[in-house]
Amino acid sequence: MLRLLTWTIACILMTMPVGPLSAAALVEVTELLAHPDHYDHQVVTVSGRVTSFQLATNRDGQPAFGFLLQDTAGTVKVVGLGKADVREGDYVVVEGVFSRLRQAGRAIVYNEIKATSVQSMTKMNPDLVG
């Protein structure tokens, strides 16, 4: 089922007009986790289900968000500025810059995508998502 969904998303991305998402190749979360050095500081496009969605405000008072993006084999953290028009449990396509690790004060954050675009699959083409 996930492979069919991944293939469907790839087809959508290839046929979409130029807009918020680019035609970057769709990468599975498993691939990011297996080869984090290869994707470090690279723009990636991934898909999965939103879990642990949180709204926040950054130090400058701008709205921000964070969530875990989960597919059948792994989970990656997604953060971004602005408002994400998604909800807990939504299936989404995320484009952003992947970091295998970053320093956040005294903590180290692993496997994170700083999102430039988050789009719900149901809003892309409701007929393709059940």
Foldseek 3Di string as FASTA:
>chain_A
DVVLVLVVVLVLLVPDDDDQDHNADEDELVRCVVCVVVQAQHKHKYKAFWAPKDWDADPVRFIKIKTWGDDPPDIAIEIETDDDPDDHGFIKIFIFRWHQWDDDPPDIHGTYGYTSDIDGPCVSPVVVPD
